[in-house]
């Protein structure tokens, strides 16, 4: 079973992108998809809230995110949980901080 975490900034377009990728993975292999909503506030506050949510879930195999407001929390969660981070857009941070970036032409 693959466990995927979607880091959401609350924007429907960003959520649709990440959910679409997660659902594509689910068509190939048994998968659980967990949405982790970022609360309002500083990047640090968002990251700590998301980390608390992740503690209550199974260990994720991958974390997906789209939207510039998710980039810093995604990188921090990658480091805190040792979970590969995949960003679905051109990141506002250096590419080397992510395990993969899926960037449209």
C-alpha atoms as a PDB file:
ATOM      1  CA  UNK A   1       0.000   0.000   0.000  1.00  0.00           C
ATOM      2  CA  UNK A   2       1.341   3.409  -1.010  1.00  0.00           C
ATOM      3  CA  UNK A   3       0.580   6.330   1.321  1.00  0.00           C
ATOM      4  CA  UNK A   4       0.536   9.760  -0.339  1.00  0.00           C
ATOM      5  CA  UNK A   5       0.273  13.112   1.400  1.00  0.00           C
ATOM      6  CA  UNK A   6      -1.148  16.135  -0.388  1.00  0.00           C
ATOM      7  CA  UNK A   7      -0.099  19.457   1.136  1.00  0.00           C
ATOM      8  CA  UNK A   8      -2.956  21.876   0.415  1.00  0.00           C
ATOM      9  CA  UNK A   9      -2.956  25.666   0.560  1.00  0.00           C
ATOM     10  CA  UNK A  10      -6.734  25.716   0.140  1.00  0.00           C
ATOM     11  CA  UNK A  11      -6.728  26.784  -3.510  1.00  0.00           C
ATOM     12  CA  UNK A  12      -8.934  24.490  -5.589  1.00  0.00           C
ATOM     13  CA  UNK A  13      -6.695  24.619  -8.689  1.00  0.00           C
ATOM     14  CA  UNK A  14      -3.633  23.549  -6.708  1.00  0.00           C
ATOM     15  CA  UNK A  15      -5.588  20.818  -4.932  1.00  0.00           C
ATOM     16  CA  UNK A  16      -6.928  19.508  -8.254  1.00  0.00           C
ATOM     17  CA  UNK A  17      -3.386  19.230  -9.639  1.00  0.00           C
ATOM     18  CA  UNK A  18      -2.040  17.286  -6.680  1.00  0.00           C
ATOM     19  CA  UNK A  19      -5.156  15.139  -6.326  1.00  0.00           C
ATOM     20  CA  UNK A  20      -5.001  14.315 -10.051  1.00  0.00           C
ATOM     21  CA  UNK A  21      -1.438  13.035  -9.700  1.00  0.00           C
ATOM     22  CA  UNK A  22      -2.307  11.075  -6.547  1.00  0.00           C
ATOM     23  CA  UNK A  23      -5.335   9.504  -8.235  1.00  0.00           C
ATOM     24  CA  UNK A  24      -3.199   8.538 -11.235  1.00  0.00           C
ATOM     25  CA  UNK A  25      -0.835   6.698  -8.864  1.00  0.00           C
ATOM     26  CA  UNK A  26      -3.868   5.036  -7.250  1.00  0.00           C
ATOM     27  CA  UNK A  27      -4.955   3.646 -10.629  1.00  0.00           C
ATOM     28  CA  UNK A  28      -1.633   1.800 -10.865  1.00  0.00           C
ATOM     29  CA  UNK A  29      -1.176   0.568  -7.290  1.00  0.00           C
ATOM     30  CA  UNK A  30      -3.232   0.356  -4.083  1.00  0.00           C
ATOM     31  CA  UNK A  31      -2.925   3.804  -2.534  1.00  0.00           C
ATOM     32  CA  UNK A  32      -4.245   5.861   0.333  1.00  0.00           C
ATOM     33  CA  UNK A  33      -4.393   9.618  -0.173  1.00  0.00           C
ATOM     34  CA  UNK A  34      -4.223  11.961   2.818  1.00  0.00           C
ATOM     35  CA  UNK A  35      -4.855  15.695   2.487  1.00  0.00           C
ATOM     36  CA  UNK A  36      -2.900  17.895   4.876  1.00  0.00           C
ATOM     37  CA  UNK A  37      -4.357  21.400   5.001  1.00  0.00           C
ATOM     38  CA  UNK A  38      -2.049  24.280   5.851  1.00  0.00           C
ATOM     39  CA  UNK A  39      -3.514  26.623   8.424  1.00  0.00           C
ATOM     40  CA  UNK A  40      -3.228  30.399   8.139  1.00  0.00           C
ATOM     41  CA  UNK A  41      -0.180  32.076   9.568  1.00  0.00           C
ATOM     42  CA  UNK A  42       3.558  32.001   9.108  1.00  0.00           C
ATOM     43  CA  UNK A  43       5.365  29.268   7.185  1.00  0.00           C
ATOM     44  CA  UNK A  44       6.690  27.961  10.505  1.00  0.00           C
ATOM     45  CA  UNK A  45       3.185  27.756  12.004  1.00  0.00           C
ATOM     46  CA  UNK A  46       1.902  26.027   8.851  1.00  0.00           C
ATOM     47  CA  UNK A  47       4.755  23.526   8.947  1.00  0.00           C
ATOM     48  CA  UNK A  48       4.259  22.667  12.628  1.00  0.00           C
ATOM     49  CA  UNK A  49       0.525  22.187  12.110  1.00  0.00           C
ATOM     50  CA  UNK A  50       1.131  19.938   9.090  1.00  0.00           C
ATOM     51  CA  UNK A  51       3.760  17.963  11.016  1.00  0.00           C
ATOM     52  CA  UNK A  52       1.257  17.310  13.822  1.00  0.00           C
ATOM     53  CA  UNK A  53      -1.247  16.050  11.253  1.00  0.00           C
ATOM     54  CA  UNK A  54       1.383  13.792   9.680  1.00  0.00           C
ATOM     55  CA  UNK A  55       2.162  12.241  13.075  1.00  0.00           C
ATOM     56  CA  UNK A  56      -1.418  10.924  13.246  1.00  0.00           C
ATOM     57  CA  UNK A  57      -1.143   9.273   9.808  1.00  0.00           C
ATOM     58  CA  UNK A  58       0.844   6.308   8.489  1.00  0.00           C
ATOM     59  CA  UNK A  59       4.373   7.088   7.262  1.00  0.00           C
ATOM     60  CA  UNK A  60       3.956   8.751   3.865  1.00  0.00           C
ATOM     61  CA  UNK A  61       5.832   7.432   0.854  1.00  0.00           C
ATOM     62  CA  UNK A  62       5.592  10.784  -0.980  1.00  0.00           C
ATOM     63  CA  UNK A  63       4.398  14.323  -0.295  1.00  0.00           C
ATOM     64  CA  UNK A  64       2.834  16.290  -3.174  1.00  0.00           C
ATOM     65  CA  UNK A  65       2.220  20.041  -3.271  1.00  0.00           C
ATOM     66  CA  UNK A  66       1.350  22.821  -5.705  1.00  0.00           C
ATOM     67  CA  UNK A  67       1.274  26.542  -5.018  1.00  0.00           C
ATOM     68  CA  UNK A  68       4.049  28.857  -3.858  1.00  0.00           C
ATOM     69  CA  UNK A  69       2.686  29.020  -0.306  1.00  0.00           C
ATOM     70  CA  UNK A  70       3.241  25.263   0.049  1.00  0.00           C
ATOM     71  CA  UNK A  71       6.904  25.232  -0.993  1.00  0.00           C
ATOM     72  CA  UNK A  72       8.574  26.139   2.294  1.00  0.00           C
ATOM     73  CA  UNK A  73       6.331  23.866   4.392  1.00  0.00           C
ATOM     74  CA  UNK A  74       6.886  21.037   1.865  1.00  0.00           C
ATOM     75  CA  UNK A  75      10.674  21.372   2.093  1.00  0.00           C
ATOM     76  CA  UNK A  76      10.533  21.539   5.899  1.00  0.00           C
ATOM     77  CA  UNK A  77       8.279  18.472   6.098  1.00  0.00           C
ATOM     78  CA  UNK A  78      10.602  16.649   3.727  1.00  0.00           C
ATOM     79  CA  UNK A  79      13.436  17.235   6.183  1.00  0.00           C
ATOM     80  CA  UNK A  80      11.416  16.566   9.341  1.00  0.00           C
ATOM     81  CA  UNK A  81       9.813  13.329   8.126  1.00  0.00           C
ATOM     82  CA  UNK A  82      12.418  12.069   5.623  1.00  0.00           C
ATOM     83  CA  UNK A  83       9.653  11.794   3.013  1.00  0.00           C
ATOM     84  CA  UNK A  84      10.346  12.528  -0.676  1.00  0.00           C
ATOM     85  CA  UNK A  85       8.772  15.831  -1.777  1.00  0.00           C
ATOM     86  CA  UNK A  86       7.283  16.376  -5.232  1.00  0.00           C
ATOM     87  CA  UNK A  87       6.265  19.864  -6.303  1.00  0.00           C
ATOM     88  CA  UNK A  88       3.855  20.345  -9.217  1.00  0.00           C
ATOM     89  CA  UNK A  89       4.985  23.653 -10.688  1.00  0.00           C
ATOM     90  CA  UNK A  90       8.107  25.720 -11.105  1.00  0.00           C
ATOM     91  CA  UNK A  91       9.185  26.119  -7.490  1.00  0.00           C
ATOM     92  CA  UNK A  92       9.926  29.460  -5.868  1.00  0.00           C
ATOM     93  CA  UNK A  93      12.828  27.760  -4.039  1.00  0.00           C
ATOM     94  CA  UNK A  94      15.833  26.023  -5.641  1.00  0.00           C
ATOM     95  CA  UNK A  95      15.019  22.733  -7.378  1.00  0.00           C
ATOM     96  CA  UNK A  96      17.650  20.908  -5.304  1.00  0.00           C
ATOM     97  CA  UNK A  97      15.416  21.238  -2.226  1.00  0.00           C
ATOM     98  CA  UNK A  98      12.805  18.945  -3.804  1.00  0.00           C
ATOM     99  CA  UNK A  99      13.071  15.329  -4.870  1.00  0.00           C
ATOM    100  CA  UNK A 100      11.129  16.033  -8.055  1.00  0.00           C
ATOM    101  CA  UNK A 101       9.492  18.987  -9.796  1.00  0.00           C
ATOM    102  CA  UNK A 102       6.810  18.425 -12.402  1.00  0.00           C
ATOM    103  CA  UNK A 103       6.805  21.659 -14.377  1.00  0.00           C
ATOM    104  CA  UNK A 104       4.506  22.341 -17.355  1.00  0.00           C
ATOM    105  CA  UNK A 105       6.084  23.787 -20.497  1.00  0.00           C
END
